Amino acid sequence: MSFKEIIDQLNIIGQCRRYNLPLRHCPQFLFLVMGTVIGVTAIISYSLGTRYVVDPSLVALIVLLMTIFLLSVSFVIIRSLERIAEANRLKSEFISVVSHQLRSPLSNLKWSTELITSGRLGEIEKKQAEYLKIIKENIGRMGELVSDLLMVSRIEQGRLPLEISEFSLKEMTEQIINKFKAYAEASNIEITFNTEEPLSNVVADPSQTKSVIENLLDNAIRYIKGKGKIEISIRKRGDFLLFSIKDTGVGIPQKDQKHIFQKFFRSANVMKHQTQGSGLGLYIVKSIVEMCGGKIWFNSREGEGTTFLFTLPIKKNRKTVDNTR
């Protein structure tokens, strides 16, 4: 190991930034804490040993061997954690690079397909049009997956920009419901919306909050099989507004509920119904809500439906965390 590498290893804050980890989770900081604890333990052990053991050199030897052993074990553990952190960093960078590289060819495929289906390059047969439609739908799905991967990459690297401002959660929800109205009616689903009056504005990122509500509403519609109902409500809870969306869908099995906000996770009953999705939506939703100062949770019973709830602050007197670097 070169002198520069040794200096880099001693730069704990720099290493934490490199791995995009908070200080308390950083391997180098944990090693420093463990080393301090071991040192203090050694001093206390030596003090107690000299009091109860006649030969002080024997006490010193025992304490020295114990300290070396504990430091060695700590070093091995921390090096393993460091390798995991490095692998996680490389994974995030890989996802970011690949997602960016995929955007251009997907855009070219999208516009080329639309140009062909428009008929401007010549008349196309019915069978050809059907295949082009399938290609266009799959390009759209790939585009959504790439967008989700880029969002996850920004979240993990702490580079998701937040523009905090005051806005009406009620008005935003009404606009989103109107946007999804045709989709819901085509799926034979009724959407109702109730609020308490008056409602204060929330303090969050409007664009990201909009994507949260759209994601939850899209999931609610998608996971209802046949005729169903979605109930959306907004209530005041202290210094927060509580947003609730309840559906009569397939629900989430009890054994899967603890994994529901994990990346790429999809519950067994959803896979059985062959519902499309990447398994990234709820991870993104949870991350955005928490970065905006709120919390998210859910209640669900398989076969009866699911209720997702999240809060957003309505007061400006909280410390807003800048998530950009």
C-alpha atoms as a PDB file:
ATOM      1  CA  MET A   1       0.000   0.000   0.000  1.00  0.00           C
ATOM      2  CA  SER A   2       1.463   3.376  -1.036  1.00  0.00           C
ATOM      3  CA  PHE A   3       1.773   6.399   1.249  1.00  0.00           C
ATOM      4  CA  LYS A   4      -1.052   8.145  -0.661  1.00  0.00           C
ATOM      5  CA  GLU A   5      -3.356   5.151  -0.174  1.00  0.00           C
ATOM      6  CA  ILE A   6      -2.584   5.151   3.548  1.00  0.00           C
ATOM      7  CA  ILE A   7      -3.439   8.869   3.752  1.00  0.00           C
ATOM      8  CA  ASP A   8      -6.681   8.211   1.841  1.00  0.00           C
ATOM      9  CA  GLN A   9      -7.607   5.445   4.275  1.00  0.00           C
ATOM     10  CA  LEU A  10      -7.053   7.801   7.217  1.00  0.00           C
ATOM     11  CA  ASN A  11      -9.367  10.390   5.635  1.00  0.00           C
ATOM     12  CA  ILE A  12     -12.528   8.985   7.201  1.00  0.00           C
ATOM     13  CA  ILE A  13     -14.907  11.696   5.936  1.00  0.00           C
ATOM     14  CA  GLY A  14     -13.542  11.345   2.405  1.00  0.00           C
ATOM     15  CA  GLN A  15     -14.024   7.573   2.481  1.00  0.00           C
ATOM     16  CA  CYS A  16     -17.586   7.962   3.739  1.00  0.00           C
ATOM     17  CA  ARG A  17     -18.380  10.351   0.887  1.00  0.00           C
ATOM     18  CA  ARG A  18     -16.830   7.952  -1.594  1.00  0.00           C
ATOM     19  CA  TYR A  19     -19.097   5.137  -0.462  1.00  0.00           C
ATOM     20  CA  ASN A  20     -22.061   7.528  -0.059  1.00  0.00           C
ATOM     21  CA  LEU A  21     -22.599   6.351   3.529  1.00  0.00           C
ATOM     22  CA  PRO A  22     -23.449   8.290   6.686  1.00  0.00           C
ATOM     23  CA  LEU A  23     -20.593   8.529   9.172  1.00  0.00           C
ATOM     24  CA  ARG A  24     -22.119   5.985  11.585  1.00  0.00           C
ATOM     25  CA  HIS A  25     -22.219   3.355   8.791  1.00  0.00           C
ATOM     26  CA  CYS A  26     -18.770   4.048   7.333  1.00  0.00           C
ATOM     27  CA  PRO A  27     -16.283   1.111   7.734  1.00  0.00           C
ATOM     28  CA  GLN A  28     -13.326   3.393   8.570  1.00  0.00           C
ATOM     29  CA  PHE A  29     -15.291   5.240  11.255  1.00  0.00           C
ATOM     30  CA  LEU A  30     -16.522   1.947  12.729  1.00  0.00           C
ATOM     31  CA  PHE A  31     -12.923   0.696  12.870  1.00  0.00           C
ATOM     32  CA  LEU A  32     -11.886   3.872  14.695  1.00  0.00           C
ATOM     33  CA  VAL A  33     -14.725   3.426  17.204  1.00  0.00           C
ATOM     34  CA  MET A  34     -13.913  -0.258  17.718  1.00  0.00           C
ATOM     35  CA  GLY A  35     -10.203   0.550  18.148  1.00  0.00           C
ATOM     36  CA  THR A  36     -11.037   3.157  20.776  1.00  0.00           C
ATOM     37  CA  VAL A  37     -13.293   0.723  22.646  1.00  0.00           C
ATOM     38  CA  ILE A  38     -10.619  -1.991  22.518  1.00  0.00           C
ATOM     39  CA  GLY A  39      -7.969   0.458  23.790  1.00  0.00           C
ATOM     40  CA  VAL A  40     -10.137   1.564  26.697  1.00  0.00           C
ATOM     41  CA  THR A  41     -10.960  -2.080  27.480  1.00  0.00           C
ATOM     42  CA  ALA A  42      -7.253  -2.931  27.488  1.00  0.00           C
ATOM     43  CA  ILE A  43      -6.453  -0.131  29.948  1.00  0.00           C
ATOM     44  CA  ILE A  44      -9.286  -1.170  32.272  1.00  0.00           C
ATOM     45  CA  SER A  45      -8.233  -4.850  32.031  1.00  0.00           C
ATOM     46  CA  TYR A  46      -4.639  -3.952  32.876  1.00  0.00           C
ATOM     47  CA  SER A  47      -5.736  -1.863  35.872  1.00  0.00           C
ATOM     48  CA  LEU A  48      -7.882  -4.676  37.219  1.00  0.00           C
ATOM     49  CA  GLY A  49      -5.203  -7.287  36.453  1.00  0.00           C
ATOM     50  CA  THR A  50      -2.456  -5.497  38.364  1.00  0.00           C
ATOM     51  CA  ARG A  51      -4.751  -5.332  41.355  1.00  0.00           C
ATOM     52  CA  TYR A  52      -5.567  -9.052  41.471  1.00  0.00           C
ATOM     53  CA  VAL A  53      -2.562 -10.719  39.755  1.00  0.00           C
ATOM     54  CA  VAL A  54       0.840 -10.807  41.479  1.00  0.00           C
ATOM     55  CA  ASP A  55       3.052 -10.762  38.333  1.00  0.00           C
ATOM     56  CA  PRO A  56       2.483  -7.463  36.425  1.00  0.00           C
ATOM     57  CA  SER A  57       4.447  -8.702  33.379  1.00  0.00           C
ATOM     58  CA  LEU A  58       1.979 -11.608  33.006  1.00  0.00           C
ATOM     59  CA  VAL A  59      -0.919  -9.142  33.139  1.00  0.00           C
ATOM     60  CA  ALA A  60       0.708  -6.968  30.496  1.00  0.00           C
ATOM     61  CA  LEU A  61       1.285  -9.985  28.235  1.00  0.00           C
ATOM     62  CA  ILE A  62      -2.316 -11.188  28.546  1.00  0.00           C
ATOM     63  CA  VAL A  63      -3.717  -7.709  27.856  1.00  0.00           C
ATOM     64  CA  LEU A  64      -1.356  -7.243  24.899  1.00  0.00           C
ATOM     65  CA  LEU A  65      -2.336 -10.581  23.327  1.00  0.00           C
ATOM     66  CA  MET A  66      -6.038  -9.885  23.917  1.00  0.00           C
ATOM     67  CA  THR A  67      -5.724  -6.428  22.323  1.00  0.00           C
ATOM     68  CA  ILE A  68      -3.873  -7.772  19.275  1.00  0.00           C
ATOM     69  CA  PHE A  69      -6.485 -10.511  18.821  1.00  0.00           C
ATOM     70  CA  LEU A  70      -9.437  -8.101  19.081  1.00  0.00           C
ATOM     71  CA  LEU A  71      -7.814  -5.574  16.732  1.00  0.00           C
ATOM     72  CA  SER A  72      -7.125  -8.338  14.186  1.00  0.00           C
ATOM     73  CA  VAL A  73     -10.726  -9.538  14.311  1.00  0.00           C
ATOM     74  CA  SER A  74     -11.962  -5.952  14.003  1.00  0.00           C
ATOM     75  CA  PHE A  75      -9.680  -5.336  11.024  1.00  0.00           C
ATOM     76  CA  VAL A  76     -10.957  -8.441   9.200  1.00  0.00           C
ATOM     77  CA  ILE A  77     -14.596  -7.482   9.837  1.00  0.00           C
ATOM     78  CA  ILE A  78     -14.091  -3.873   8.740  1.00  0.00           C
ATOM     79  CA  ARG A  79     -12.238  -4.933   5.578  1.00  0.00           C
ATOM     80  CA  SER A  80     -15.188  -7.188   4.716  1.00  0.00           C
ATOM     81  CA  LEU A  81     -17.608  -4.298   5.270  1.00  0.00           C
ATOM     82  CA  GLU A  82     -15.379  -2.068   3.139  1.00  0.00           C
ATOM     83  CA  ARG A  83     -15.487  -4.572   0.266  1.00  0.00           C
ATOM     84  CA  ILE A  84     -19.294  -4.689   0.527  1.00  0.00           C
ATOM     85  CA  ALA A  85     -19.461  -0.879   0.506  1.00  0.00           C
ATOM     86  CA  GLU A  86     -17.147  -0.737  -2.519  1.00  0.00           C
ATOM     87  CA  ALA A  87     -19.233  -3.349  -4.361  1.00  0.00           C
ATOM     88  CA  ASN A  88     -22.382  -1.369  -3.604  1.00  0.00           C
ATOM     89  CA  ARG A  89     -20.749   1.833  -4.905  1.00  0.00           C
ATOM     90  CA  LEU A  90     -19.645   0.130  -8.118  1.00  0.00           C
ATOM     91  CA  LYS A  91     -23.124  -1.367  -8.558  1.00  0.00           C
ATOM     92  CA  SER A  92     -24.733   2.076  -8.269  1.00  0.00           C
ATOM     93  CA  GLU A  93     -22.260   3.565 -10.746  1.00  0.00           C
ATOM     94  CA  PHE A  94     -22.850   0.659 -13.149  1.00  0.00           C
ATOM     95  CA  ILE A  95     -26.621   1.129 -13.008  1.00  0.00           C
ATOM     96  CA  SER A  96     -26.230   4.859 -13.596  1.00  0.00           C
ATOM     97  CA  VAL A  97     -23.873   4.444 -16.577  1.00  0.00           C
ATOM     98  CA  VAL A  98     -25.900   1.662 -18.217  1.00  0.00           C
ATOM     99  CA  SER A  99     -29.176   3.542 -17.737  1.00  0.00           C
ATOM    100  CA  HIS A 100     -27.746   6.680 -19.330  1.00  0.00           C
ATOM    101  CA  GLN A 101     -26.337   4.666 -22.230  1.00  0.00           C
ATOM    102  CA  LEU A 102     -29.698   2.957 -22.827  1.00  0.00           C
ATOM    103  CA  ARG A 103     -31.672   6.199 -23.060  1.00  0.00           C
ATOM    104  CA  SER A 104     -30.333   7.272 -26.463  1.00  0.00           C
ATOM    105  CA  PRO A 105     -30.944   4.004 -28.366  1.00  0.00           C
ATOM    106  CA  LEU A 106     -34.380   3.671 -26.774  1.00  0.00           C
ATOM    107  CA  SER A 107     -35.279   7.214 -27.858  1.00  0.00           C
ATOM    108  CA  ASN A 108     -34.086   6.447 -31.395  1.00  0.00           C
ATOM    109  CA  LEU A 109     -36.139   3.239 -31.458  1.00  0.00           C
ATOM    110  CA  LYS A 110     -39.190   5.097 -30.178  1.00  0.00           C
ATOM    111  CA  TRP A 111     -39.057   7.843 -32.802  1.00  0.00           C
ATOM    112  CA  SER A 112     -38.230   5.382 -35.599  1.00  0.00           C
ATOM    113  CA  THR A 113     -41.210   3.198 -34.667  1.00  0.00           C
ATOM    114  CA  GLU A 114     -43.532   6.202 -34.505  1.00  0.00           C
ATOM    115  CA  LEU A 115     -42.276   7.392 -37.893  1.00  0.00           C
ATOM    116  CA  ILE A 116     -42.977   3.999 -39.472  1.00  0.00           C
ATOM    117  CA  THR A 117     -46.435   3.646 -37.898  1.00  0.00           C
ATOM    118  CA  SER A 118     -47.368   7.181 -39.008  1.00  0.00           C
ATOM    119  CA  GLY A 119     -47.355   6.007 -42.653  1.00  0.00           C
ATOM    120  CA  ARG A 120     -45.049   8.778 -43.859  1.00  0.00           C
ATOM    121  CA  LEU A 121     -42.534   6.212 -45.107  1.00  0.00           C
ATOM    122  CA  GLY A 122     -45.166   4.238 -46.965  1.00  0.00           C
ATOM    123  CA  GLU A 123     -48.244   2.187 -46.274  1.00  0.00           C
ATOM    124  CA  ILE A 124     -47.885  -0.685 -43.806  1.00  0.00           C
ATOM    125  CA  GLU A 125     -49.916  -3.865 -43.679  1.00  0.00           C
ATOM    126  CA  LYS A 126     -52.247  -4.751 -40.814  1.00  0.00           C
ATOM    127  CA  LYS A 127     -50.014  -7.564 -39.551  1.00  0.00           C
ATOM    128  CA  GLN A 128     -46.972  -5.287 -39.647  1.00  0.00           C
ATOM    129  CA  ALA A 129     -48.883  -2.639 -37.703  1.00  0.00           C
ATOM    130  CA  GLU A 130     -49.690  -5.197 -34.983  1.00  0.00           C
ATOM    131  CA  TYR A 131     -46.028  -6.121 -34.556  1.00  0.00           C
ATOM    132  CA  LEU A 132     -44.990  -2.466 -34.557  1.00  0.00           C
ATOM    133  CA  LYS A 133     -47.549  -1.816 -31.814  1.00  0.00           C
ATOM    134  CA  ILE A 134     -45.997  -4.602 -29.708  1.00  0.00           C
ATOM    135  CA  ILE A 135     -42.528  -3.139 -30.305  1.00  0.00           C
ATOM    136  CA  LYS A 136     -43.749   0.344 -29.306  1.00  0.00           C
ATOM    137  CA  GLU A 137     -45.328  -0.962 -26.079  1.00  0.00           C
ATOM    138  CA  ASN A 138     -42.142  -2.793 -25.106  1.00  0.00           C
ATOM    139  CA  ILE A 139     -40.024   0.274 -25.853  1.00  0.00           C
ATOM    140  CA  GLY A 140     -42.293   2.201 -23.497  1.00  0.00           C
ATOM    141  CA  ARG A 141     -41.829  -0.405 -20.779  1.00  0.00           C
ATOM    142  CA  MET A 142     -38.059  -0.347 -21.261  1.00  0.00           C
ATOM    143  CA  GLY A 143     -38.108   3.453 -21.052  1.00  0.00           C
ATOM    144  CA  GLU A 144     -39.991   3.322 -17.741  1.00  0.00           C
ATOM    145  CA  LEU A 145     -37.513   0.776 -16.362  1.00  0.00           C
ATOM    146  CA  VAL A 146     -34.543   2.940 -17.382  1.00  0.00           C
ATOM    147  CA  SER A 147     -36.151   6.001 -15.754  1.00  0.00           C
ATOM    148  CA  ASP A 148     -36.735   4.030 -12.539  1.00  0.00           C
ATOM    149  CA  LEU A 149     -33.133   2.765 -12.543  1.00  0.00           C
ATOM    150  CA  LEU A 150     -31.825   6.305 -12.979  1.00  0.00           C
ATOM    151  CA  MET A 151     -34.038   7.504 -10.121  1.00  0.00           C
ATOM    152  CA  VAL A 152     -32.775   4.706  -7.854  1.00  0.00           C
ATOM    153  CA  SER A 153     -29.186   5.535  -8.798  1.00  0.00           C
ATOM    154  CA  ARG A 154     -29.670   9.212  -7.920  1.00  0.00           C
ATOM    155  CA  ILE A 155     -31.304   8.296  -4.605  1.00  0.00           C
ATOM    156  CA  GLU A 156     -28.518   5.891  -3.634  1.00  0.00           C
ATOM    157  CA  GLN A 157     -25.803   8.380  -4.580  1.00  0.00           C
ATOM    158  CA  GLY A 158     -27.545  11.234  -2.759  1.00  0.00           C
ATOM    159  CA  ARG A 159     -27.940  13.210  -5.989  1.00  0.00           C
ATOM    160  CA  LEU A 160     -31.701  13.462  -6.261  1.00  0.00           C
ATOM    161  CA  PRO A 161     -32.405  17.218  -6.298  1.00  0.00           C
ATOM    162  CA  LEU A 162     -35.265  18.423  -4.104  1.00  0.00           C
ATOM    163  CA  GLU A 163     -36.940  21.781  -4.688  1.00  0.00           C
ATOM    164  CA  ILE A 164     -38.875  22.353  -1.465  1.00  0.00           C
ATOM    165  CA  SER A 165     -41.846  24.726  -1.651  1.00  0.00           C
ATOM    166  CA  GLU A 166     -45.420  25.154  -0.400  1.00  0.00           C
ATOM    167  CA  PHE A 167     -48.251  23.750  -2.505  1.00  0.00           C
ATOM    168  CA  SER A 168     -51.774  22.392  -2.209  1.00  0.00           C
ATOM    169  CA  LEU A 169     -51.764  18.608  -1.868  1.00  0.00           C
ATOM    170  CA  LYS A 170     -55.524  18.602  -2.439  1.00  0.00           C
ATOM    171  CA  GLU A 171     -55.300  20.403  -5.791  1.00  0.00           C
ATOM    172  CA  MET A 172     -52.435  18.197  -6.934  1.00  0.00           C
ATOM    173  CA  THR A 173     -54.388  15.044  -6.027  1.00  0.00           C
ATOM    174  CA  GLU A 174     -57.487  16.259  -7.897  1.00  0.00           C
ATOM    175  CA  GLN A 175     -55.391  16.890 -11.021  1.00  0.00           C
ATOM    176  CA  ILE A 176     -53.829  13.428 -10.830  1.00  0.00           C
ATOM    177  CA  ILE A 177     -57.236  11.755 -10.352  1.00  0.00           C
ATOM    178  CA  ASN A 178     -58.548  13.555 -13.448  1.00  0.00           C
ATOM    179  CA  LYS A 179     -55.481  12.373 -15.372  1.00  0.00           C
ATOM    180  CA  PHE A 180     -56.139   8.727 -14.363  1.00  0.00           C
ATOM    181  CA  LYS A 181     -59.930   8.946 -14.741  1.00  0.00           C
ATOM    182  CA  ALA A 182     -60.118   7.381 -18.205  1.00  0.00           C
ATOM    183  CA  TYR A 183     -57.701   4.605 -17.216  1.00  0.00           C
ATOM    184  CA  ALA A 184     -59.753   3.819 -14.096  1.00  0.00           C
ATOM    185  CA  GLU A 185     -63.086   3.830 -15.965  1.00  0.00           C
ATOM    186  CA  ALA A 186     -61.658   1.527 -18.638  1.00  0.00           C
ATOM    187  CA  SER A 187     -60.641  -0.832 -15.812  1.00  0.00           C
ATOM    188  CA  ASN A 188     -64.155  -0.621 -14.265  1.00  0.00           C
ATOM    189  CA  ILE A 189     -62.801   1.074 -11.138  1.00  0.00           C
ATOM    190  CA  GLU A 190     -64.462   3.886  -9.184  1.00  0.00           C
ATOM    191  CA  ILE A 191     -62.258   6.527  -7.503  1.00  0.00           C
ATOM    192  CA  THR A 192     -63.574   8.639  -4.610  1.00  0.00           C
ATOM    193  CA  PHE A 193     -61.736  11.551  -2.984  1.00  0.00           C
ATOM    194  CA  ASN A 194     -62.478  13.072   0.436  1.00  0.00           C
ATOM    195  CA  THR A 195     -60.674  15.762   2.421  1.00  0.00           C
ATOM    196  CA  GLU A 196     -60.956  17.683   5.645  1.00  0.00           C
ATOM    197  CA  GLU A 197     -61.529  21.412   5.347  1.00  0.00           C
ATOM    198  CA  PRO A 198     -59.653  23.645   5.595  1.00  0.00           C
ATOM    199  CA  LEU A 199     -56.346  22.060   4.611  1.00  0.00           C
ATOM    200  CA  SER A 200     -52.964  23.759   4.892  1.00  0.00           C
ATOM    201  CA  ASN A 201     -50.374  23.589   2.137  1.00  0.00           C
ATOM    202  CA  VAL A 202     -47.619  21.008   2.492  1.00  0.00           C
ATOM    203  CA  VAL A 203     -43.902  21.838   2.399  1.00  0.00           C
ATOM    204  CA  ALA A 204     -42.215  19.361   0.040  1.00  0.00           C
ATOM    205  CA  ASP A 205     -41.005  18.905  -3.525  1.00  0.00           C
ATOM    206  CA  PRO A 206     -44.075  19.273  -5.814  1.00  0.00           C
ATOM    207  CA  SER A 207     -42.627  17.309  -8.744  1.00  0.00           C
ATOM    208  CA  GLN A 208     -41.463  14.370  -6.631  1.00  0.00           C
ATOM    209  CA  THR A 209     -44.683  14.356  -4.569  1.00  0.00           C
ATOM    210  CA  LYS A 210     -46.660  14.173  -7.811  1.00  0.00           C
ATOM    211  CA  SER A 211     -44.686  11.080  -8.861  1.00  0.00           C
ATOM    212  CA  VAL A 212     -45.395   9.498  -5.445  1.00  0.00           C
ATOM    213  CA  ILE A 213     -49.168   9.908  -5.793  1.00  0.00           C
ATOM    214  CA  GLU A 214     -49.145   8.815  -9.441  1.00  0.00           C
ATOM    215  CA  ASN A 215     -47.188   5.696  -8.552  1.00  0.00           C
ATOM    216  CA  LEU A 216     -49.535   4.742  -5.702  1.00  0.00           C
ATOM    217  CA  LEU A 217     -52.657   5.387  -7.788  1.00  0.00           C
ATOM    218  CA  ASP A 218     -51.278   3.478 -10.779  1.00  0.00           C
ATOM    219  CA  ASN A 219     -50.479   0.518  -8.499  1.00  0.00           C
ATOM    220  CA  ALA A 220     -53.943   0.631  -6.931  1.00  0.00           C
ATOM    221  CA  ILE A 221     -55.640   0.494 -10.354  1.00  0.00           C
ATOM    222  CA  ARG A 222     -53.260  -2.141 -11.692  1.00  0.00           C
ATOM    223  CA  TYR A 223     -53.682  -4.508  -8.747  1.00  0.00           C
ATOM    224  CA  ILE A 224     -57.494  -4.530  -8.796  1.00  0.00           C
ATOM    225  CA  LYS A 225     -58.764  -7.465 -10.821  1.00  0.00           C
ATOM    226  CA  GLY A 226     -62.242  -6.824 -12.207  1.00  0.00           C
ATOM    227  CA  LYS A 227     -64.619  -4.240 -10.777  1.00  0.00           C
ATOM    228  CA  GLY A 228     -63.273  -2.348  -7.800  1.00  0.00           C
ATOM    229  CA  LYS A 229     -63.024   0.837  -5.809  1.00  0.00           C
ATOM    230  CA  ILE A 230     -60.268   3.229  -4.712  1.00  0.00           C
ATOM    231  CA  GLU A 231     -60.775   5.636  -1.807  1.00  0.00           C
ATOM    232  CA  ILE A 232     -58.370   8.563  -1.460  1.00  0.00           C
ATOM    233  CA  SER A 233     -58.421  10.926   1.509  1.00  0.00           C
ATOM    234  CA  ILE A 234     -56.336  13.736   3.000  1.00  0.00           C
ATOM    235  CA  ARG A 235     -56.513  14.599   6.709  1.00  0.00           C
ATOM    236  CA  LYS A 236     -54.602  16.915   9.033  1.00  0.00           C
ATOM    237  CA  ARG A 237     -52.491  15.193  11.695  1.00  0.00           C
ATOM    238  CA  GLY A 238     -50.635  17.694  13.871  1.00  0.00           C
ATOM    239  CA  ASP A 239     -47.955  19.392  11.787  1.00  0.00           C
ATOM    240  CA  PHE A 240     -48.523  16.974   8.901  1.00  0.00           C
ATOM    241  CA  LEU A 241     -51.107  16.095   6.271  1.00  0.00           C
ATOM    242  CA  LEU A 242     -51.977  12.405   6.108  1.00  0.00           C
ATOM    243  CA  PHE A 243     -52.582  11.052   2.590  1.00  0.00           C
ATOM    244  CA  SER A 244     -54.401   7.718   2.361  1.00  0.00           C
ATOM    245  CA  ILE A 245     -55.189   5.575  -0.689  1.00  0.00           C
ATOM    246  CA  LYS A 246     -57.249   2.416  -0.156  1.00  0.00           C
ATOM    247  CA  ASP A 247     -57.990  -0.161  -2.861  1.00  0.00           C
ATOM    248  CA  THR A 248     -59.982  -3.383  -3.150  1.00  0.00           C
ATOM    249  CA  GLY A 249     -57.196  -5.177  -4.984  1.00  0.00           C
ATOM    250  CA  VAL A 250     -55.354  -8.446  -4.538  1.00  0.00           C
ATOM    251  CA  GLY A 251     -53.670  -7.345  -1.298  1.00  0.00           C
ATOM    252  CA  ILE A 252     -50.215  -8.281  -0.047  1.00  0.00           C
ATOM    253  CA  PRO A 253     -49.512 -11.694   1.553  1.00  0.00           C
ATOM    254  CA  GLN A 254     -48.409 -11.487   5.193  1.00  0.00           C
ATOM    255  CA  LYS A 255     -45.065 -13.178   4.461  1.00  0.00           C
ATOM    256  CA  ASP A 256     -44.219 -10.587   1.789  1.00  0.00           C
ATOM    257  CA  GLN A 257     -45.176  -7.444   3.676  1.00  0.00           C
ATOM    258  CA  LYS A 258     -41.796  -6.908   5.355  1.00  0.00           C
ATOM    259  CA  HIS A 259     -40.118  -6.799   1.920  1.00  0.00           C
ATOM    260  CA  ILE A 260     -42.590  -4.516   0.142  1.00  0.00           C
ATOM    261  CA  PHE A 261     -40.343  -1.406   0.086  1.00  0.00           C
ATOM    262  CA  GLN A 262     -37.229  -3.289  -1.034  1.00  0.00           C
ATOM    263  CA  LYS A 263     -35.764  -2.784  -4.506  1.00  0.00           C
ATOM    264  CA  PHE A 264     -36.934  -5.206  -7.215  1.00  0.00           C
ATOM    265  CA  PHE A 265     -39.290  -7.033  -4.841  1.00  0.00           C
ATOM    266  CA  ARG A 266     -42.665  -8.177  -6.147  1.00  0.00           C
ATOM    267  CA  SER A 267     -45.070 -10.241  -4.039  1.00  0.00           C
ATOM    268  CA  ALA A 268     -46.004 -13.763  -5.050  1.00  0.00           C
ATOM    269  CA  ASN A 269     -49.689 -13.041  -5.753  1.00  0.00           C
ATOM    270  CA  VAL A 270     -48.795 -10.110  -8.037  1.00  0.00           C
ATOM    271  CA  MET A 271     -46.496 -12.366 -10.066  1.00  0.00           C
ATOM    272  CA  LYS A 272     -49.329 -14.913 -10.255  1.00  0.00           C
ATOM    273  CA  HIS A 273     -51.615 -12.299 -11.824  1.00  0.00           C
ATOM    274  CA  GLN A 274     -48.798 -11.394 -14.276  1.00  0.00           C
ATOM    275  CA  THR A 275     -49.050  -7.698 -13.451  1.00  0.00           C
ATOM    276  CA  GLN A 276     -46.265  -5.676 -15.094  1.00  0.00           C
ATOM    277  CA  GLY A 277     -43.779  -3.795 -12.949  1.00  0.00           C
ATOM    278  CA  SER A 278     -40.103  -3.483 -12.084  1.00  0.00           C
ATOM    279  CA  GLY A 279     -40.397  -3.691  -8.302  1.00  0.00           C
ATOM    280  CA  LEU A 280     -38.730  -0.284  -7.940  1.00  0.00           C
ATOM    281  CA  GLY A 281     -41.771   1.966  -7.567  1.00  0.00           C
ATOM    282  CA  LEU A 282     -42.414   1.571  -3.841  1.00  0.00           C
ATOM    283  CA  TYR A 283     -38.701   1.868  -3.016  1.00  0.00           C
ATOM    284  CA  ILE A 284     -38.649   5.195  -4.893  1.00  0.00           C
ATOM    285  CA  VAL A 285     -41.896   6.336  -3.247  1.00  0.00           C
ATOM    286  CA  LYS A 286     -40.582   5.593   0.257  1.00  0.00           C
ATOM    287  CA  SER A 287     -37.271   7.347  -0.436  1.00  0.00           C
ATOM    288  CA  ILE A 288     -38.970  10.505  -1.754  1.00  0.00           C
ATOM    289  CA  VAL A 289     -41.464  10.729   1.122  1.00  0.00           C
ATOM    290  CA  GLU A 290     -38.716  10.361   3.726  1.00  0.00           C
ATOM    291  CA  MET A 291     -36.447  12.892   1.989  1.00  0.00           C
ATOM    292  CA  CYS A 292     -39.347  15.370   2.058  1.00  0.00           C
ATOM    293  CA  GLY A 293     -39.660  14.911   5.835  1.00  0.00           C
ATOM    294  CA  GLY A 294     -42.579  12.461   5.926  1.00  0.00           C
ATOM    295  CA  LYS A 295     -43.221   8.789   6.644  1.00  0.00           C
ATOM    296  CA  ILE A 296     -44.978   6.037   4.695  1.00  0.00           C
ATOM    297  CA  TRP A 297     -46.588   2.761   5.761  1.00  0.00           C
ATOM    298  CA  PHE A 298     -49.403   0.424   4.713  1.00  0.00           C
ATOM    299  CA  ASN A 299     -52.081  -1.993   5.896  1.00  0.00           C
ATOM    300  CA  SER A 300     -53.032  -4.964   3.765  1.00  0.00           C
ATOM    301  CA  ARG A 301     -54.831  -8.294   3.755  1.00  0.00           C
ATOM    302  CA  GLU A 302     -54.468 -10.730   0.900  1.00  0.00           C
ATOM    303  CA  GLY A 303     -57.593 -10.873  -1.238  1.00  0.00           C
ATOM    304  CA  GLU A 304     -59.174  -7.829   0.461  1.00  0.00           C
ATOM    305  CA  GLY A 305     -57.026  -4.893  -0.607  1.00  0.00           C
ATOM    306  CA  THR A 306     -54.318  -2.513   0.568  1.00  0.00           C
ATOM    307  CA  THR A 307     -54.170   0.939   2.133  1.00  0.00           C
ATOM    308  CA  PHE A 308     -51.035   3.036   1.696  1.00  0.00           C
ATOM    309  CA  LEU A 309     -50.592   6.071   3.928  1.00  0.00           C
ATOM    310  CA  PHE A 310     -47.937   8.764   3.980  1.00  0.00           C
ATOM    311  CA  THR A 311     -47.415  12.092   5.723  1.00  0.00           C
ATOM    312  CA  LEU A 312     -45.920  15.368   4.532  1.00  0.00           C
ATOM    313  CA  PRO A 313     -45.060  18.366   6.753  1.00  0.00           C
ATOM    314  CA  ILE A 314     -47.135  21.553   6.617  1.00  0.00           C
ATOM    315  CA  LYS A 315     -44.778  23.709   8.688  1.00  0.00           C
ATOM    316  CA  LYS A 316     -41.756  25.620   7.472  1.00  0.00           C
ATOM    317  CA  ASN A 317     -40.001  25.564  10.825  1.00  0.00           C
ATOM    318  CA  ARG A 318     -38.306  22.237  10.181  1.00  0.00           C
ATOM    319  CA  LYS A 319     -34.758  21.753   8.958  1.00  0.00           C
ATOM    320  CA  THR A 320     -34.808  20.870   5.271  1.00  0.00           C
ATOM    321  CA  VAL A 321     -32.021  18.559   4.185  1.00  0.00           C
ATOM    322  CA  ASP A 322     -30.338  19.431   0.903  1.00  0.00           C
ATOM    323  CA  ASN A 323     -29.937  16.131  -0.910  1.00  0.00           C
ATOM    324  CA  THR A 324     -27.739  17.437  -3.711  1.00  0.00           C
ATOM    325  CA  ARG A 325     -23.978  17.331  -3.782  1.00  0.00           C
END
